[in-house]
């Protein structure tokens, strides 16, 4: 979905004169659900791309190449990352990565121990105020990987804290 979305955006931009009068070229990097391949994809992107857009790398747990990428003059500036989601705390706390689906986890985070979360509840409040004041449903939590659990639970709890009743959690 991320790849399709970014390609559609690029097609639209290019059909309307490009971005800054330049054609947008989409290069796809596949993490293959592997921390090593995720890191290698970022290393390759560092030399071949202007920015990462639509990142959905589930196992990007080493952001060193993302943050230490040099610019054309050789200065370390990092590679901007406009991520869809970030499941690993290191990725969530990276100074050069900005997620669309924010988990709201406090940064910096050492990677173990208790972590606090603060999520905006504006969309949920809007639904409660303008659609129905008794929203409820089933919350689906991916419980197979620590990274997906840590990215999903805060969002579910914040939604419940805002007033959406949980009928069940699977």
N, C-alpha and C. Protein backbone atom coordinates (compact mmCIF):
# COMPACT_ATOMS: atom_id res chain seq x y z
N UNK A 1 0.80 -1.20 0.00
CA UNK A 1 0.00 0.00 0.00
C UNK A 1 0.84 1.26 0.00
N UNK A 2 1.91 1.28 0.77
CA UNK A 2 2.77 2.47 0.81
C UNK A 2 3.40 2.72 -0.55
N UNK A 3 3.89 1.66 -1.17
CA UNK A 3 4.53 1.80 -2.48
C UNK A 3 3.52 2.33 -3.50
N UNK A 4 2.32 1.73 -3.50
CA UNK A 4 1.28 2.17 -4.44
C UNK A 4 0.92 3.63 -4.21
N UNK A 5 0.79 4.03 -2.96
CA UNK A 5 0.45 5.40 -2.63
C UNK A 5 1.51 6.39 -3.07
N UNK A 6 2.77 6.07 -2.82
CA UNK A 6 3.87 6.96 -3.22
C UNK A 6 3.97 7.04 -4.73
N UNK A 7 3.79 5.90 -5.42
CA UNK A 7 3.82 5.92 -6.89
C UNK A 7 2.68 6.76 -7.45
N UNK A 8 1.49 6.65 -6.88
CA UNK A 8 0.35 7.44 -7.34
C UNK A 8 0.62 8.93 -7.13
N UNK A 9 1.20 9.28 -5.98
CA UNK A 9 1.53 10.68 -5.71
C UNK A 9 2.55 11.18 -6.72
N UNK A 10 3.58 10.38 -7.00
CA UNK A 10 4.61 10.78 -7.96
C UNK A 10 4.01 10.95 -9.35
N UNK A 11 3.15 10.04 -9.77
CA UNK A 11 2.49 10.16 -11.07
C UNK A 11 1.70 11.46 -11.16
N UNK A 12 0.97 11.79 -10.10
CA UNK A 12 0.20 13.03 -10.07
C UNK A 12 1.13 14.24 -10.15
N UNK A 13 2.18 14.24 -9.33
CA UNK A 13 3.13 15.37 -9.34
C UNK A 13 3.74 15.54 -10.72
N UNK A 14 4.19 14.43 -11.31
CA UNK A 14 4.84 14.51 -12.62
C UNK A 14 3.88 14.96 -13.71
N UNK A 15 2.61 14.57 -13.62
CA UNK A 15 1.60 15.00 -14.60
C UNK A 15 1.29 16.49 -14.46
N UNK A 16 1.67 17.07 -13.32
CA UNK A 16 1.41 18.49 -13.05
C UNK A 16 2.68 19.30 -12.92
N UNK A 17 3.71 18.92 -13.63
CA UNK A 17 4.94 19.70 -13.67
C UNK A 17 6.04 19.25 -12.74
N UNK A 18 5.81 18.18 -12.00
CA UNK A 18 6.85 17.67 -11.10
C UNK A 18 6.85 18.39 -9.76
N UNK A 19 7.91 18.20 -9.03
CA UNK A 19 8.08 18.82 -7.72
C UNK A 19 9.24 19.79 -7.85
N UNK A 20 8.97 21.06 -7.68
CA UNK A 20 10.01 22.06 -7.91
C UNK A 20 10.50 22.02 -9.34
N UNK A 21 9.59 21.77 -10.27
CA UNK A 21 9.88 21.67 -11.71
C UNK A 21 10.81 20.49 -12.04
N UNK A 22 10.89 19.52 -11.17
CA UNK A 22 11.69 18.32 -11.41
C UNK A 22 10.81 17.09 -11.36
N UNK A 23 11.12 16.12 -12.20
CA UNK A 23 10.38 14.87 -12.22
C UNK A 23 10.67 14.08 -10.94
N UNK A 24 9.63 13.53 -10.35
CA UNK A 24 9.78 12.69 -9.16
C UNK A 24 10.01 11.25 -9.63
N UNK A 25 11.07 10.66 -9.13
CA UNK A 25 11.38 9.26 -9.44
C UNK A 25 11.25 8.44 -8.16
N UNK A 26 10.46 7.39 -8.21
CA UNK A 26 10.26 6.52 -7.05
C UNK A 26 11.18 5.31 -7.17
N UNK A 27 11.98 5.11 -6.15
CA UNK A 27 12.83 3.92 -6.06
C UNK A 27 12.31 3.10 -4.88
N UNK A 28 12.08 1.84 -5.10
CA UNK A 28 11.52 0.99 -4.06
C UNK A 28 12.64 0.19 -3.41
N UNK A 29 12.69 0.23 -2.09
CA UNK A 29 13.64 -0.55 -1.31
C UNK A 29 12.83 -1.52 -0.46
N UNK A 30 13.19 -2.79 -0.49
CA UNK A 30 12.44 -3.83 0.21
C UNK A 30 13.22 -4.32 1.42
N UNK A 31 12.64 -4.15 2.61
CA UNK A 31 13.31 -4.62 3.84
C UNK A 31 13.18 -6.12 4.02
N UNK A 32 12.32 -6.75 3.26
CA UNK A 32 12.12 -8.21 3.31
C UNK A 32 11.86 -8.71 4.72
N UNK A 33 11.24 -7.86 5.54
CA UNK A 33 10.93 -8.20 6.94
C UNK A 33 12.17 -8.64 7.70
N UNK A 34 13.28 -7.98 7.43
CA UNK A 34 14.55 -8.32 8.07
C UNK A 34 15.25 -7.06 8.55
N UNK A 35 15.72 -7.04 9.81
CA UNK A 35 16.46 -5.87 10.29
C UNK A 35 17.69 -5.57 9.44
N UNK A 36 18.39 -6.59 9.02
CA UNK A 36 19.59 -6.40 8.20
C UNK A 36 19.26 -5.81 6.84
N UNK A 37 18.21 -6.33 6.19
CA UNK A 37 17.80 -5.80 4.89
C UNK A 37 17.23 -4.39 5.03
N UNK A 38 16.56 -4.10 6.14
CA UNK A 38 16.06 -2.74 6.37
C UNK A 38 17.23 -1.77 6.45
N UNK A 39 18.26 -2.13 7.20
CA UNK A 39 19.45 -1.28 7.34
C UNK A 39 20.16 -1.14 6.00
N UNK A 40 20.30 -2.23 5.26
CA UNK A 40 20.96 -2.17 3.95
C UNK A 40 20.17 -1.32 2.97
N UNK A 41 18.84 -1.36 3.05
CA UNK A 41 18.02 -0.52 2.19
C UNK A 41 18.27 0.96 2.46
N UNK A 42 18.40 1.31 3.74
CA UNK A 42 18.68 2.70 4.10
C UNK A 42 20.07 3.10 3.63
N UNK A 43 21.04 2.20 3.77
CA UNK A 43 22.40 2.49 3.29
C UNK A 43 22.39 2.77 1.79
N UNK A 44 21.66 1.98 1.03
CA UNK A 44 21.55 2.18 -0.41
C UNK A 44 20.83 3.49 -0.71
N UNK A 45 19.73 3.75 -0.01
CA UNK A 45 18.98 4.98 -0.22
C UNK A 45 19.82 6.21 0.08
N UNK A 46 20.72 6.08 1.02
CA UNK A 46 21.59 7.20 1.40
C UNK A 46 22.39 7.72 0.20
N UNK A 47 22.77 6.82 -0.69
CA UNK A 47 23.55 7.24 -1.85
C UNK A 47 22.70 7.45 -3.10
N UNK A 48 21.45 6.98 -3.09
CA UNK A 48 20.64 7.03 -4.30
C UNK A 48 19.37 7.87 -4.20
N UNK A 49 19.02 8.36 -3.03
CA UNK A 49 17.73 9.03 -2.88
C UNK A 49 17.88 10.37 -2.17
N UNK A 50 16.91 11.23 -2.43
CA UNK A 50 16.84 12.54 -1.77
C UNK A 50 16.19 12.42 -0.40
N UNK A 51 15.22 11.50 -0.28
CA UNK A 51 14.48 11.30 0.97
C UNK A 51 13.79 9.94 0.92
N UNK A 52 13.46 9.43 2.09
CA UNK A 52 12.61 8.25 2.18
C UNK A 52 11.18 8.75 2.36
N UNK A 53 10.27 8.24 1.56
CA UNK A 53 8.87 8.65 1.64
C UNK A 53 8.00 7.40 1.67
N UNK A 54 7.14 7.30 2.67
CA UNK A 54 6.24 6.15 2.77
C UNK A 54 6.86 4.95 3.44
N UNK A 55 7.89 5.16 4.25
CA UNK A 55 8.58 4.07 4.92
C UNK A 55 7.63 3.25 5.78
N UNK A 56 7.65 1.94 5.60
CA UNK A 56 6.89 1.02 6.43
C UNK A 56 7.78 -0.16 6.81
N UNK A 57 9.03 0.12 7.09
CA UNK A 57 9.99 -0.92 7.46
C UNK A 57 9.72 -1.36 8.90
N UNK A 58 9.17 -2.55 9.05
CA UNK A 58 8.76 -3.04 10.36
C UNK A 58 9.95 -3.24 11.30
N UNK A 59 11.12 -3.53 10.76
CA UNK A 59 12.27 -3.88 11.60
C UNK A 59 13.43 -2.91 11.46
N UNK A 60 13.17 -1.64 11.32
CA UNK A 60 14.26 -0.67 11.21
C UNK A 60 14.71 -0.30 12.62
N UNK A 61 15.53 -1.19 13.22
CA UNK A 61 15.95 -1.00 14.60
C UNK A 61 17.34 -0.38 14.73
N UNK A 62 18.02 -0.15 13.60
CA UNK A 62 19.31 0.55 13.61
C UNK A 62 19.20 1.71 12.63
N UNK A 63 19.06 2.91 13.16
CA UNK A 63 18.88 4.09 12.32
C UNK A 63 20.17 4.87 12.11
N UNK A 64 21.30 4.26 12.49
CA UNK A 64 22.59 4.93 12.30
C UNK A 64 22.79 5.38 10.85
N UNK A 65 22.54 4.50 9.85
CA UNK A 65 22.74 4.97 8.47
C UNK A 65 21.76 6.08 8.08
N UNK A 66 20.59 6.07 8.63
CA UNK A 66 19.59 7.10 8.35
C UNK A 66 20.05 8.45 8.89
N UNK A 67 20.61 8.44 10.09
CA UNK A 67 21.02 9.69 10.74
C UNK A 67 22.42 10.16 10.34
N UNK A 68 23.26 9.27 9.81
CA UNK A 68 24.64 9.65 9.47
C UNK A 68 24.87 9.81 7.97
N UNK A 69 23.82 9.82 7.20
CA UNK A 69 23.94 9.97 5.75
C UNK A 69 24.51 11.35 5.42
N UNK A 70 25.57 11.41 4.60
CA UNK A 70 26.14 12.71 4.26
C UNK A 70 25.42 13.36 3.08
N UNK A 71 25.46 14.69 3.03
CA UNK A 71 24.92 15.40 1.88
C UNK A 71 25.98 15.44 0.76
N UNK A 72 25.70 16.16 -0.34
CA UNK A 72 26.63 16.17 -1.48
C UNK A 72 27.99 16.77 -1.14
N UNK A 73 28.05 17.63 -0.14
CA UNK A 73 29.32 18.23 0.28
C UNK A 73 30.06 17.37 1.30
N UNK A 74 29.45 16.27 1.72
CA UNK A 74 30.09 15.36 2.66
C UNK A 74 29.74 15.61 4.12
N UNK A 75 28.93 16.63 4.39
CA UNK A 75 28.54 16.91 5.78
C UNK A 75 27.43 15.94 6.20
N UNK A 76 27.53 15.44 7.42
CA UNK A 76 26.52 14.53 7.93
C UNK A 76 25.24 15.33 8.23
N UNK A 77 24.20 15.02 7.48
CA UNK A 77 22.92 15.71 7.66
C UNK A 77 21.78 14.74 7.91
N UNK A 78 21.98 13.47 7.58
CA UNK A 78 20.91 12.49 7.69
C UNK A 78 20.05 12.46 6.45
N UNK A 79 19.26 11.43 6.31
CA UNK A 79 18.36 11.27 5.18
C UNK A 79 16.93 11.48 5.68
N UNK A 80 16.24 12.52 5.22
CA UNK A 80 14.87 12.74 5.70
C UNK A 80 13.99 11.51 5.44
N UNK A 81 13.22 11.15 6.43
CA UNK A 81 12.37 9.95 6.36
C UNK A 81 10.94 10.34 6.70
N UNK A 82 10.06 10.37 5.70
CA UNK A 82 8.65 10.64 5.92
C UNK A 82 7.95 9.29 5.96
N UNK A 83 7.95 8.71 7.14
CA UNK A 83 7.48 7.33 7.33
C UNK A 83 5.96 7.27 7.47
N UNK A 84 5.39 6.15 7.03
CA UNK A 84 3.99 5.88 7.29
C UNK A 84 3.87 5.44 8.74
N UNK A 85 4.71 4.50 9.13
CA UNK A 85 4.71 4.03 10.50
C UNK A 85 6.12 3.65 10.92
N UNK A 86 6.31 3.66 12.21
CA UNK A 86 7.58 3.27 12.81
C UNK A 86 7.26 2.31 13.95
N UNK A 87 7.75 1.09 13.87
CA UNK A 87 7.45 0.13 14.93
C UNK A 87 8.56 0.02 15.96
N UNK A 88 9.77 0.31 15.57
CA UNK A 88 10.91 0.19 16.49
C UNK A 88 11.18 1.50 17.21
N UNK A 89 11.44 1.46 18.52
CA UNK A 89 11.72 2.70 19.27
C UNK A 89 12.85 3.53 18.66
N UNK A 90 13.90 2.89 18.16
CA UNK A 90 15.01 3.66 17.57
C UNK A 90 14.51 4.48 16.38
N UNK A 91 13.66 3.89 15.57
CA UNK A 91 13.10 4.59 14.41
C UNK A 91 12.13 5.68 14.88
N UNK A 92 11.33 5.39 15.88
CA UNK A 92 10.37 6.36 16.41
C UNK A 92 11.08 7.59 16.97
N UNK A 93 12.26 7.41 17.52
CA UNK A 93 12.98 8.51 18.18
C UNK A 93 14.03 9.17 17.30
N UNK A 94 14.15 8.76 16.05
CA UNK A 94 15.14 9.34 15.16
C UNK A 94 14.82 10.80 14.87
N UNK A 95 15.84 11.64 14.92
CA UNK A 95 15.66 13.08 14.68
C UNK A 95 15.38 13.39 13.22
N UNK A 96 15.59 12.44 12.31
CA UNK A 96 15.37 12.70 10.88
C UNK A 96 14.15 11.97 10.33
N UNK A 97 13.39 11.30 11.21
CA UNK A 97 12.24 10.52 10.77
C UNK A 97 10.95 11.09 11.35
N UNK A 98 9.94 11.20 10.49
CA UNK A 98 8.67 11.81 10.88
C UNK A 98 7.53 10.91 10.42
N UNK A 99 6.79 10.34 11.37
CA UNK A 99 5.77 9.35 11.04
C UNK A 99 4.39 9.98 10.85
N UNK A 100 3.66 9.44 9.90
CA UNK A 100 2.26 9.82 9.69
C UNK A 100 1.41 9.18 10.79
N UNK A 101 1.65 7.90 11.08
CA UNK A 101 0.93 7.18 12.13
C UNK A 101 1.83 7.16 13.37
N UNK A 102 1.80 8.21 14.13
CA UNK A 102 2.67 8.39 15.28
C UNK A 102 2.21 7.53 16.46
N UNK A 103 3.17 6.88 17.11
CA UNK A 103 2.83 6.08 18.29
C UNK A 103 2.83 6.91 19.57
N UNK A 104 3.38 8.11 19.53
CA UNK A 104 3.35 9.00 20.69
C UNK A 104 4.27 8.61 21.83
N UNK A 105 5.24 7.73 21.56
CA UNK A 105 6.16 7.29 22.59
C UNK A 105 7.17 8.36 22.96
N UNK A 106 7.48 8.46 24.26
CA UNK A 106 8.45 9.44 24.74
C UNK A 106 9.84 9.10 24.22
N UNK A 107 10.57 10.13 23.82
CA UNK A 107 11.94 9.99 23.35
C UNK A 107 12.80 10.98 24.11
N UNK A 108 14.06 10.68 24.36
CA UNK A 108 14.75 9.45 23.96
C UNK A 108 14.28 8.25 24.79
N UNK A 109 14.52 7.08 24.22
CA UNK A 109 14.13 5.84 24.88
C UNK A 109 15.29 4.85 24.72
N UNK A 110 15.70 4.23 25.82
CA UNK A 110 16.85 3.33 25.82
C UNK A 110 16.55 1.98 25.17
N UNK A 111 15.29 1.66 24.96
CA UNK A 111 14.95 0.38 24.33
C UNK A 111 14.47 -0.67 25.30
N UNK A 112 14.51 -0.38 26.60
CA UNK A 112 13.99 -1.33 27.59
C UNK A 112 13.43 -0.53 28.76
N UNK A 113 12.55 -1.18 29.50
CA UNK A 113 11.94 -0.52 30.63
C UNK A 113 10.68 0.23 30.25
N UNK A 114 10.08 0.89 31.23
CA UNK A 114 8.82 1.58 31.02
C UNK A 114 9.00 2.79 30.11
N UNK A 115 8.00 3.03 29.26
CA UNK A 115 8.01 4.16 28.34
C UNK A 115 6.64 4.83 28.39
N UNK A 116 6.64 6.14 28.46
CA UNK A 116 5.37 6.85 28.50
C UNK A 116 4.92 7.21 27.07
N UNK A 117 3.60 7.37 26.91
CA UNK A 117 3.03 7.68 25.61
C UNK A 117 2.03 8.81 25.76
N UNK A 118 1.99 9.69 24.78
CA UNK A 118 1.01 10.77 24.72
C UNK A 118 0.55 10.90 23.27
N UNK A 119 -0.68 10.53 23.03
CA UNK A 119 -1.22 10.57 21.67
C UNK A 119 -2.32 11.62 21.57
N UNK A 120 -2.38 12.33 20.44
CA UNK A 120 -3.49 13.25 20.25
C UNK A 120 -4.79 12.47 20.09
N UNK A 121 -5.87 12.97 20.66
CA UNK A 121 -7.13 12.25 20.54
C UNK A 121 -8.16 13.05 19.74
N UNK A 122 -7.69 14.04 18.96
CA UNK A 122 -8.58 14.88 18.17
C UNK A 122 -9.52 14.11 17.25
N UNK A 123 -9.00 13.19 16.41
CA UNK A 123 -9.90 12.46 15.52
C UNK A 123 -10.95 11.64 16.29
N UNK A 124 -10.54 11.01 17.38
CA UNK A 124 -11.49 10.22 18.16
C UNK A 124 -12.52 11.13 18.80
N UNK A 125 -12.08 12.25 19.36
CA UNK A 125 -13.01 13.21 19.97
C UNK A 125 -14.01 13.73 18.93
N UNK A 126 -13.54 14.00 17.72
CA UNK A 126 -14.44 14.47 16.67
C UNK A 126 -15.53 13.43 16.41
N UNK A 127 -15.14 12.17 16.28
CA UNK A 127 -16.13 11.11 16.05
C UNK A 127 -17.13 11.02 17.19
N UNK A 128 -16.62 11.11 18.41
CA UNK A 128 -17.51 11.04 19.58
C UNK A 128 -18.45 12.24 19.63
N UNK A 129 -17.98 13.41 19.24
CA UNK A 129 -18.79 14.62 19.32
C UNK A 129 -19.73 14.79 18.13
N UNK A 130 -19.36 14.28 16.96
CA UNK A 130 -20.13 14.56 15.76
C UNK A 130 -20.77 13.35 15.07
N UNK A 131 -20.35 12.17 15.42
CA UNK A 131 -20.89 10.97 14.77
C UNK A 131 -21.75 10.17 15.74
N UNK A 132 -21.16 9.75 16.81
CA UNK A 132 -21.89 8.99 17.84
C UNK A 132 -21.15 9.13 19.15
N UNK A 133 -21.89 9.28 20.24
CA UNK A 133 -21.24 9.43 21.54
C UNK A 133 -21.05 8.09 22.25
N UNK A 134 -21.42 7.00 21.58
CA UNK A 134 -21.28 5.68 22.20
C UNK A 134 -20.49 4.73 21.29
N UNK A 135 -19.38 5.22 20.77
CA UNK A 135 -18.57 4.39 19.89
C UNK A 135 -18.00 3.20 20.65
N UNK A 136 -17.98 2.06 20.00
CA UNK A 136 -17.38 0.87 20.59
C UNK A 136 -17.00 -0.08 19.47
N UNK A 137 -16.19 -1.05 19.78
CA UNK A 137 -15.79 -2.02 18.76
C UNK A 137 -14.74 -2.97 19.27
N UNK A 138 -14.21 -3.74 18.34
CA UNK A 138 -13.20 -4.74 18.63
C UNK A 138 -11.83 -4.16 18.26
N UNK A 139 -10.88 -4.26 19.15
CA UNK A 139 -9.53 -3.80 18.89
C UNK A 139 -8.66 -4.99 18.47
N UNK A 140 -8.02 -4.86 17.31
CA UNK A 140 -7.15 -5.90 16.79
C UNK A 140 -5.70 -5.51 17.06
N UNK A 141 -5.00 -6.33 17.83
CA UNK A 141 -3.62 -6.05 18.22
C UNK A 141 -2.74 -7.16 17.64
N UNK A 142 -1.77 -6.81 16.79
CA UNK A 142 -0.86 -7.84 16.31
C UNK A 142 0.08 -8.25 17.43
N UNK A 143 -0.04 -9.48 17.90
CA UNK A 143 0.73 -9.89 19.08
C UNK A 143 1.86 -10.86 18.76
N UNK A 144 2.28 -10.89 17.48
CA UNK A 144 3.32 -11.83 17.11
C UNK A 144 4.73 -11.28 17.27
N UNK A 145 4.89 -9.95 17.25
CA UNK A 145 6.21 -9.34 17.32
C UNK A 145 6.24 -8.24 18.36
N UNK A 146 7.30 -8.15 19.14
CA UNK A 146 7.39 -7.06 20.13
C UNK A 146 7.24 -5.68 19.51
N UNK A 147 7.81 -5.48 18.31
CA UNK A 147 7.75 -4.16 17.68
C UNK A 147 6.33 -3.77 17.29
N UNK A 148 5.55 -4.71 16.77
CA UNK A 148 4.18 -4.37 16.39
C UNK A 148 3.28 -4.22 17.61
N UNK A 149 3.57 -4.95 18.66
CA UNK A 149 2.83 -4.78 19.92
C UNK A 149 3.09 -3.37 20.47
N UNK A 150 4.37 -2.98 20.52
CA UNK A 150 4.71 -1.68 21.11
C UNK A 150 4.20 -0.52 20.27
N UNK A 151 3.98 -0.74 18.97
CA UNK A 151 3.44 0.32 18.13
C UNK A 151 1.92 0.37 18.16
N UNK A 152 1.26 -0.75 18.47
CA UNK A 152 -0.20 -0.83 18.40
C UNK A 152 -0.91 -0.54 19.72
N UNK A 153 -0.37 -1.05 20.80
CA UNK A 153 -1.03 -0.93 22.10
C UNK A 153 -1.27 0.53 22.50
N UNK A 154 -0.29 1.44 22.38
CA UNK A 154 -0.56 2.83 22.79
C UNK A 154 -1.72 3.47 22.02
N UNK A 155 -1.82 3.18 20.73
CA UNK A 155 -2.90 3.75 19.93
C UNK A 155 -4.25 3.20 20.40
N UNK A 156 -4.32 1.90 20.64
CA UNK A 156 -5.56 1.29 21.13
C UNK A 156 -5.94 1.87 22.49
N UNK A 157 -4.98 1.97 23.40
CA UNK A 157 -5.28 2.49 24.74
C UNK A 157 -5.70 3.96 24.70
N UNK A 158 -5.04 4.75 23.85
CA UNK A 158 -5.42 6.16 23.75
C UNK A 158 -6.83 6.31 23.21
N UNK A 159 -7.20 5.46 22.26
CA UNK A 159 -8.55 5.49 21.71
C UNK A 159 -9.56 5.13 22.79
N UNK A 160 -9.23 4.13 23.60
CA UNK A 160 -10.11 3.73 24.70
C UNK A 160 -10.19 4.84 25.76
N UNK A 161 -9.04 5.44 26.08
CA UNK A 161 -9.01 6.53 27.07
C UNK A 161 -9.85 7.72 26.62
N UNK A 162 -9.94 7.92 25.31
CA UNK A 162 -10.71 9.04 24.77
C UNK A 162 -12.22 8.77 24.83
N UNK A 163 -12.60 7.51 25.07
CA UNK A 163 -14.01 7.22 25.23
C UNK A 163 -14.59 6.15 24.34
N UNK A 164 -13.78 5.46 23.55
CA UNK A 164 -14.29 4.39 22.71
C UNK A 164 -14.24 3.11 23.51
N UNK A 165 -15.40 2.47 23.67
CA UNK A 165 -15.50 1.26 24.49
C UNK A 165 -14.99 0.04 23.71
N UNK A 166 -14.23 -0.79 24.40
CA UNK A 166 -13.74 -2.03 23.80
C UNK A 166 -14.71 -3.16 24.09
N UNK A 167 -15.25 -3.75 23.02
CA UNK A 167 -16.11 -4.92 23.17
C UNK A 167 -15.26 -6.17 23.31
N UNK A 168 -14.08 -6.14 22.70
CA UNK A 168 -13.17 -7.28 22.74
C UNK A 168 -11.82 -6.83 22.21
N UNK A 169 -10.81 -7.59 22.57
CA UNK A 169 -9.49 -7.33 22.03
C UNK A 169 -8.91 -8.64 21.54
N UNK A 170 -8.61 -8.67 20.27
CA UNK A 170 -8.08 -9.89 19.66
C UNK A 170 -6.66 -9.63 19.23
